[in-house]
């Protein structure tokens, strides 16, 4: 009985290890390519970055009131860079040459693309494309 249990456990470990190895080898996020720069700002910090002014980023999203759902990905949704809620005072920026961004509701955020505010006066769910500067 103990031998059978040991064989079953060894076989289960072998299967789990094989699945983990397969997942690691086929994971697209491990593929070579540019690594997105993402920084979170809390209300207490007061600065986005001491070395990179906010206007120099390809994409900057700052929640100015309430909260918002945010989705940022590479073109064709090949790689999701961020997906989820952001709360008042949080800032995220990304520095890839091409991206798509969706925010909801747009009135709660300031979206800057290459330093230019594109979200002013927008309401509800909005989307933008970031192209190389």
N, C-alpha and C. Protein backbone atom coordinates (compact mmCIF):
# COMPACT_ATOMS: atom_id res chain seq x y z
N UNK A 1 0.82 -1.20 0.00
CA UNK A 1 0.00 0.00 0.00
C UNK A 1 0.86 1.26 0.00
N UNK A 2 1.93 1.26 0.81
CA UNK A 2 2.82 2.42 0.86
C UNK A 2 3.54 2.60 -0.46
N UNK A 3 3.94 1.52 -1.08
CA UNK A 3 4.64 1.60 -2.36
C UNK A 3 3.73 2.19 -3.44
N UNK A 4 2.48 1.81 -3.46
CA UNK A 4 1.52 2.33 -4.42
C UNK A 4 1.32 3.83 -4.21
N UNK A 5 1.19 4.26 -2.97
CA UNK A 5 1.03 5.68 -2.65
C UNK A 5 2.26 6.47 -3.09
N UNK A 6 3.45 5.91 -2.85
CA UNK A 6 4.68 6.59 -3.25
C UNK A 6 4.77 6.73 -4.76
N UNK A 7 4.38 5.71 -5.50
CA UNK A 7 4.40 5.76 -6.96
C UNK A 7 3.40 6.80 -7.47
N UNK A 8 2.21 6.83 -6.89
CA UNK A 8 1.19 7.80 -7.29
C UNK A 8 1.68 9.23 -7.02
N UNK A 9 2.27 9.48 -5.86
CA UNK A 9 2.79 10.81 -5.54
C UNK A 9 3.92 11.20 -6.48
N UNK A 10 4.82 10.28 -6.78
CA UNK A 10 5.93 10.57 -7.69
C UNK A 10 5.40 10.89 -9.08
N UNK A 11 4.41 10.14 -9.53
CA UNK A 11 3.80 10.38 -10.84
C UNK A 11 3.10 11.74 -10.86
N UNK A 12 2.40 12.10 -9.79
CA UNK A 12 1.73 13.41 -9.70
C UNK A 12 2.75 14.53 -9.75
N UNK A 13 3.86 14.39 -9.03
CA UNK A 13 4.92 15.42 -9.07
C UNK A 13 5.51 15.55 -10.46
N UNK A 14 5.69 14.44 -11.15
CA UNK A 14 6.23 14.47 -12.50
C UNK A 14 5.27 15.20 -13.45
N UNK A 15 3.99 14.95 -13.32
CA UNK A 15 2.99 15.61 -14.17
C UNK A 15 2.95 17.11 -13.88
N UNK A 16 2.91 17.49 -12.61
CA UNK A 16 2.88 18.91 -12.24
C UNK A 16 4.14 19.61 -12.73
N UNK A 17 5.28 18.98 -12.59
CA UNK A 17 6.53 19.56 -13.08
C UNK A 17 6.53 19.73 -14.58
N UNK A 18 6.01 18.76 -15.30
CA UNK A 18 5.91 18.85 -16.75
C UNK A 18 5.00 19.97 -17.19
N UNK A 19 3.88 20.14 -16.52
CA UNK A 19 2.95 21.23 -16.83
C UNK A 19 3.61 22.58 -16.56
N UNK A 20 4.33 22.69 -15.45
CA UNK A 20 5.01 23.95 -15.12
C UNK A 20 6.09 24.26 -16.15
N UNK A 21 6.85 23.26 -16.56
CA UNK A 21 7.88 23.48 -17.58
C UNK A 21 7.27 23.90 -18.90
N UNK A 22 6.20 23.24 -19.31
CA UNK A 22 5.53 23.62 -20.55
C UNK A 22 5.02 25.06 -20.48
N UNK A 23 4.42 25.44 -19.35
CA UNK A 23 3.93 26.81 -19.19
C UNK A 23 5.05 27.82 -19.24
N UNK A 24 6.18 27.51 -18.64
CA UNK A 24 7.32 28.43 -18.65
C UNK A 24 7.90 28.58 -20.05
N UNK A 25 7.91 27.51 -20.82
CA UNK A 25 8.48 27.57 -22.17
C UNK A 25 7.56 28.26 -23.17
N UNK A 26 6.26 28.24 -22.93
CA UNK A 26 5.31 28.83 -23.88
C UNK A 26 4.79 30.18 -23.42
N UNK A 27 5.26 30.71 -22.30
CA UNK A 27 4.80 31.99 -21.78
C UNK A 27 5.30 33.11 -22.66
N UNK A 28 4.38 33.93 -23.22
CA UNK A 28 4.76 35.01 -24.12
C UNK A 28 5.43 36.16 -23.39
N UNK A 29 5.18 36.35 -22.11
CA UNK A 29 5.80 37.46 -21.40
C UNK A 29 7.29 37.25 -21.24
N UNK A 30 7.78 36.04 -21.43
CA UNK A 30 9.21 35.78 -21.35
C UNK A 30 9.89 36.01 -22.69
N UNK A 31 9.12 36.31 -23.72
CA UNK A 31 9.69 36.54 -25.04
C UNK A 31 10.53 37.81 -25.04
N UNK A 32 11.61 37.81 -25.83
CA UNK A 32 12.44 39.01 -25.87
C UNK A 32 11.67 40.17 -26.48
N UNK A 33 12.03 41.35 -26.09
CA UNK A 33 11.38 42.54 -26.59
C UNK A 33 11.50 43.64 -25.57
N UNK A 34 10.95 44.82 -25.88
CA UNK A 34 11.07 45.92 -24.94
C UNK A 34 10.28 45.65 -23.68
N UNK A 35 10.83 46.04 -22.57
CA UNK A 35 10.17 45.89 -21.29
C UNK A 35 9.48 47.20 -20.95
N UNK A 36 8.16 47.16 -20.69
CA UNK A 36 7.47 48.41 -20.39
C UNK A 36 7.92 48.97 -19.05
N UNK A 37 7.96 50.29 -18.98
CA UNK A 37 8.26 50.96 -17.73
C UNK A 37 6.94 51.30 -17.07
N UNK A 38 6.74 50.83 -15.86
CA UNK A 38 5.50 51.09 -15.14
C UNK A 38 5.86 51.57 -13.75
N UNK A 39 5.31 52.71 -13.35
CA UNK A 39 5.56 53.24 -12.02
C UNK A 39 4.23 53.61 -11.41
N UNK A 40 4.05 53.27 -10.15
CA UNK A 40 2.85 53.65 -9.43
C UNK A 40 3.19 54.78 -8.47
N UNK A 41 2.35 55.80 -8.46
CA UNK A 41 2.53 56.90 -7.52
C UNK A 41 1.40 56.84 -6.51
N UNK A 42 1.73 56.97 -5.26
CA UNK A 42 0.70 57.07 -4.24
C UNK A 42 0.50 58.55 -3.92
N UNK A 43 -0.60 58.86 -3.29
CA UNK A 43 -0.88 60.26 -2.96
C UNK A 43 0.17 60.86 -2.03
N UNK A 44 0.82 60.02 -1.24
CA UNK A 44 1.79 60.52 -0.29
C UNK A 44 3.11 60.92 -0.95
N UNK A 45 3.48 60.28 -2.08
CA UNK A 45 4.80 60.52 -2.64
C UNK A 45 4.92 61.90 -3.29
N UNK A 46 3.86 62.35 -3.96
CA UNK A 46 3.84 63.69 -4.53
C UNK A 46 4.60 63.87 -5.82
N UNK A 47 5.40 62.90 -6.26
CA UNK A 47 6.16 63.03 -7.50
C UNK A 47 6.01 61.77 -8.32
N UNK A 48 6.00 61.95 -9.63
CA UNK A 48 5.97 60.80 -10.52
C UNK A 48 7.36 60.19 -10.60
N UNK A 49 8.35 61.02 -10.86
CA UNK A 49 9.72 60.54 -10.95
C UNK A 49 10.65 61.72 -10.78
N UNK A 50 11.71 61.54 -10.04
CA UNK A 50 12.67 62.62 -9.84
C UNK A 50 13.54 62.82 -11.06
N UNK A 51 13.68 61.79 -11.92
CA UNK A 51 14.57 61.89 -13.06
C UNK A 51 13.85 61.99 -14.39
N UNK A 52 12.58 61.62 -14.46
CA UNK A 52 11.85 61.65 -15.72
C UNK A 52 10.60 62.50 -15.60
N UNK A 53 10.61 63.72 -16.13
CA UNK A 53 9.41 64.55 -16.07
C UNK A 53 8.23 63.87 -16.75
N UNK A 54 7.03 64.09 -16.22
CA UNK A 54 5.83 63.42 -16.69
C UNK A 54 5.60 63.61 -18.18
N UNK A 55 5.96 64.76 -18.74
CA UNK A 55 5.71 65.04 -20.14
C UNK A 55 6.56 64.24 -21.10
N UNK A 56 7.57 63.54 -20.64
CA UNK A 56 8.47 62.81 -21.52
C UNK A 56 8.09 61.36 -21.73
N UNK A 57 7.05 60.88 -21.08
CA UNK A 57 6.65 59.48 -21.23
C UNK A 57 5.73 59.31 -22.42
N UNK A 58 5.79 58.14 -23.04
CA UNK A 58 4.90 57.85 -24.16
C UNK A 58 3.44 57.90 -23.71
N UNK A 59 3.15 57.36 -22.52
CA UNK A 59 1.78 57.34 -21.98
C UNK A 59 1.83 57.55 -20.49
N UNK A 60 1.03 58.47 -20.00
CA UNK A 60 0.90 58.72 -18.57
C UNK A 60 -0.59 58.74 -18.23
N UNK A 61 -0.97 58.01 -17.20
CA UNK A 61 -2.36 57.96 -16.74
C UNK A 61 -2.35 58.36 -15.27
N UNK A 62 -3.08 59.40 -14.93
CA UNK A 62 -3.18 59.87 -13.56
C UNK A 62 -4.65 59.97 -13.18
N UNK A 63 -5.01 59.33 -12.08
CA UNK A 63 -6.40 59.39 -11.60
C UNK A 63 -6.55 60.66 -10.78
N UNK A 64 -7.41 61.55 -11.25
CA UNK A 64 -7.58 62.86 -10.61
C UNK A 64 -8.74 62.90 -9.63
N UNK A 65 -9.66 61.94 -9.73
CA UNK A 65 -10.77 61.84 -8.77
C UNK A 65 -11.36 60.45 -8.86
N UNK A 66 -11.93 60.00 -7.77
CA UNK A 66 -12.58 58.69 -7.75
C UNK A 66 -11.64 57.57 -8.14
N UNK A 67 -12.14 56.70 -8.99
CA UNK A 67 -11.36 55.56 -9.47
C UNK A 67 -11.70 55.33 -10.93
N UNK A 68 -10.89 54.52 -11.60
CA UNK A 68 -11.13 54.21 -13.01
C UNK A 68 -10.59 52.82 -13.32
N UNK A 69 -11.23 52.16 -14.26
CA UNK A 69 -10.73 50.91 -14.80
C UNK A 69 -9.80 51.26 -15.96
N UNK A 70 -8.64 50.65 -16.00
CA UNK A 70 -7.63 50.99 -17.00
C UNK A 70 -7.14 49.72 -17.67
N UNK A 71 -6.97 49.80 -18.99
CA UNK A 71 -6.42 48.70 -19.77
C UNK A 71 -5.38 49.28 -20.71
N UNK A 72 -4.16 48.76 -20.64
CA UNK A 72 -3.08 49.19 -21.53
C UNK A 72 -2.46 47.93 -22.12
N UNK A 73 -2.29 47.92 -23.45
CA UNK A 73 -1.73 46.75 -24.12
C UNK A 73 -0.93 47.19 -25.35
N UNK A 74 -0.16 46.25 -25.86
CA UNK A 74 0.53 46.49 -27.12
C UNK A 74 -0.49 46.35 -28.25
N UNK A 75 -0.19 46.86 -29.45
CA UNK A 75 -1.15 46.76 -30.56
C UNK A 75 -1.59 45.32 -30.81
N UNK A 76 -2.84 45.16 -31.14
CA UNK A 76 -3.41 43.84 -31.35
C UNK A 76 -3.59 43.06 -30.06
N UNK A 77 -3.46 43.75 -28.93
CA UNK A 77 -3.58 43.13 -27.61
C UNK A 77 -2.63 41.94 -27.44
N UNK A 78 -1.46 42.04 -28.10
CA UNK A 78 -0.48 40.96 -28.02
C UNK A 78 0.05 40.77 -26.60
N UNK A 79 0.23 41.88 -25.87
CA UNK A 79 0.72 41.79 -24.49
C UNK A 79 -0.02 42.80 -23.65
N UNK A 80 -0.66 42.34 -22.59
CA UNK A 80 -1.34 43.25 -21.66
C UNK A 80 -0.30 43.83 -20.72
N UNK A 81 -0.20 45.15 -20.70
CA UNK A 81 0.76 45.83 -19.83
C UNK A 81 0.14 46.17 -18.48
N UNK A 82 -1.15 46.51 -18.47
CA UNK A 82 -1.86 46.77 -17.21
C UNK A 82 -3.34 46.56 -17.46
N UNK A 83 -4.00 45.93 -16.50
CA UNK A 83 -5.45 45.76 -16.57
C UNK A 83 -5.96 45.74 -15.14
N UNK A 84 -6.80 46.72 -14.81
CA UNK A 84 -7.37 46.74 -13.47
C UNK A 84 -7.74 48.14 -13.03
N UNK A 85 -8.12 48.27 -11.77
CA UNK A 85 -8.54 49.56 -11.25
C UNK A 85 -7.34 50.42 -10.83
N UNK A 86 -7.51 51.72 -10.95
CA UNK A 86 -6.59 52.69 -10.36
C UNK A 86 -7.44 53.62 -9.51
N UNK A 87 -6.92 54.03 -8.37
CA UNK A 87 -7.65 54.90 -7.45
C UNK A 87 -7.11 56.31 -7.47
N UNK A 88 -7.88 57.21 -6.89
CA UNK A 88 -7.52 58.63 -6.85
C UNK A 88 -6.07 58.81 -6.39
N UNK A 89 -5.31 59.59 -7.16
CA UNK A 89 -3.93 59.88 -6.82
C UNK A 89 -2.91 58.93 -7.43
N UNK A 90 -3.35 57.81 -7.96
CA UNK A 90 -2.40 56.87 -8.56
C UNK A 90 -1.99 57.32 -9.95
N UNK A 91 -0.74 57.06 -10.30
CA UNK A 91 -0.18 57.40 -11.60
C UNK A 91 0.51 56.17 -12.16
N UNK A 92 0.31 55.91 -13.45
CA UNK A 92 1.04 54.86 -14.15
C UNK A 92 1.58 55.48 -15.43
N UNK A 93 2.81 55.12 -15.77
CA UNK A 93 3.32 55.53 -17.07
C UNK A 93 4.00 54.38 -17.76
N UNK A 94 3.99 54.46 -19.09
CA UNK A 94 4.49 53.39 -19.93
C UNK A 94 5.32 54.02 -21.04
N UNK A 95 6.40 53.36 -21.43
CA UNK A 95 7.31 53.95 -22.40
C UNK A 95 7.58 53.05 -23.60
N UNK A 96 6.61 52.31 -24.04
CA UNK A 96 6.75 51.55 -25.28
C UNK A 96 6.37 52.45 -26.45
N UNK A 97 6.89 52.18 -27.64
CA UNK A 97 6.59 53.07 -28.78
C UNK A 97 5.15 53.00 -29.26
N UNK A 98 4.48 51.85 -29.13
CA UNK A 98 3.10 51.73 -29.59
C UNK A 98 2.27 51.00 -28.53
N UNK A 99 1.10 51.57 -28.22
CA UNK A 99 0.21 50.96 -27.23
C UNK A 99 -1.22 51.38 -27.53
N UNK A 100 -2.15 50.64 -26.93
CA UNK A 100 -3.55 51.05 -26.89
C UNK A 100 -3.93 51.20 -25.43
N UNK A 101 -4.81 52.16 -25.15
CA UNK A 101 -5.23 52.40 -23.77
C UNK A 101 -6.74 52.62 -23.76
N UNK A 102 -7.40 52.02 -22.76
CA UNK A 102 -8.83 52.21 -22.56
C UNK A 102 -9.02 52.58 -21.09
N UNK A 103 -9.79 53.64 -20.83
CA UNK A 103 -10.11 54.04 -19.46
C UNK A 103 -11.61 54.22 -19.32
N UNK A 104 -12.11 53.94 -18.13
CA UNK A 104 -13.54 54.09 -17.86
C UNK A 104 -13.74 54.36 -16.38
N UNK A 105 -14.26 55.51 -16.01
CA UNK A 105 -14.69 56.63 -16.82
C UNK A 105 -13.55 57.62 -17.08
N UNK A 106 -13.52 58.17 -18.27
CA UNK A 106 -12.44 59.07 -18.68
C UNK A 106 -12.44 60.37 -17.87
N UNK A 107 -13.58 60.77 -17.33
CA UNK A 107 -13.63 62.02 -16.57
C UNK A 107 -12.86 61.93 -15.25
N UNK A 108 -12.49 60.72 -14.83
CA UNK A 108 -11.75 60.56 -13.58
C UNK A 108 -10.24 60.53 -13.76
N UNK A 109 -9.78 60.59 -15.00
CA UNK A 109 -8.34 60.47 -15.25
C UNK A 109 -7.83 61.58 -16.16
N UNK A 110 -6.53 61.79 -16.08
CA UNK A 110 -5.82 62.61 -17.06
C UNK A 110 -4.92 61.66 -17.82
N UNK A 111 -5.11 61.60 -19.12
CA UNK A 111 -4.30 60.76 -19.98
C UNK A 111 -3.43 61.65 -20.83
N UNK A 112 -2.11 61.42 -20.78
CA UNK A 112 -1.16 62.19 -21.61
C UNK A 112 -0.44 61.23 -22.53
N UNK A 113 -0.39 61.60 -23.80
CA UNK A 113 0.35 60.83 -24.80
C UNK A 113 1.46 61.73 -25.31
N UNK A 114 2.70 61.32 -25.08
CA UNK A 114 3.88 62.12 -25.43
C UNK A 114 3.77 63.54 -24.86
N UNK A 115 3.26 63.65 -23.63
CA UNK A 115 3.18 64.93 -22.93
C UNK A 115 1.93 65.74 -23.22
N UNK A 116 1.14 65.34 -24.19
CA UNK A 116 -0.07 66.09 -24.54
C UNK A 116 -1.30 65.45 -23.89
N UNK A 117 -2.08 66.25 -23.14
CA UNK A 117 -3.29 65.75 -22.50
C UNK A 117 -4.34 65.50 -23.57
N UNK A 118 -4.83 64.26 -23.62
CA UNK A 118 -5.83 63.88 -24.63
C UNK A 118 -7.19 63.57 -24.03
N UNK A 119 -7.27 63.52 -22.71
CA UNK A 119 -8.52 63.11 -22.05
C UNK A 119 -9.41 64.27 -21.62
N UNK A 120 -8.94 65.50 -21.76
CA UNK A 120 -9.70 66.65 -21.27
C UNK A 120 -11.05 66.74 -21.98
N UNK A 121 -12.12 66.84 -21.18
CA UNK A 121 -13.47 66.97 -21.72
C UNK A 121 -14.10 65.65 -22.14
N UNK A 122 -13.42 64.54 -21.98
CA UNK A 122 -13.96 63.24 -22.37
C UNK A 122 -14.70 62.62 -21.19
N UNK A 123 -15.75 61.87 -21.48
CA UNK A 123 -16.54 61.22 -20.43
C UNK A 123 -16.83 59.78 -20.84
N UNK A 124 -17.12 58.96 -19.85
CA UNK A 124 -17.44 57.56 -20.11
C UNK A 124 -16.21 56.76 -20.52
N UNK A 125 -16.44 55.66 -21.20
CA UNK A 125 -15.36 54.78 -21.64
C UNK A 125 -14.72 55.37 -22.88
N UNK A 126 -13.39 55.56 -22.84
CA UNK A 126 -12.67 56.15 -23.96
C UNK A 126 -11.42 55.33 -24.25
N UNK A 127 -10.97 55.38 -25.50
CA UNK A 127 -9.75 54.67 -25.87
C UNK A 127 -8.87 55.55 -26.75
N UNK A 128 -7.58 55.31 -26.68
CA UNK A 128 -6.60 56.05 -27.46
C UNK A 128 -5.53 55.08 -27.96
N UNK A 129 -4.82 55.50 -28.99
CA UNK A 129 -3.69 54.76 -29.51
C UNK A 129 -2.44 55.59 -29.34
N UNK A 130 -1.38 54.97 -28.84
CA UNK A 130 -0.09 55.64 -28.70
C UNK A 130 0.77 55.18 -29.87
N UNK A 131 1.22 56.13 -30.68
CA UNK A 131 2.09 55.85 -31.80
C UNK A 131 3.47 56.39 -31.49
N UNK A 132 4.50 55.92 -32.20
CA UNK A 132 5.83 56.46 -31.96
C UNK A 132 5.86 57.97 -32.13
N UNK A 133 6.64 58.63 -31.29
CA UNK A 133 6.71 60.10 -31.33
C UNK A 133 7.40 60.59 -32.58
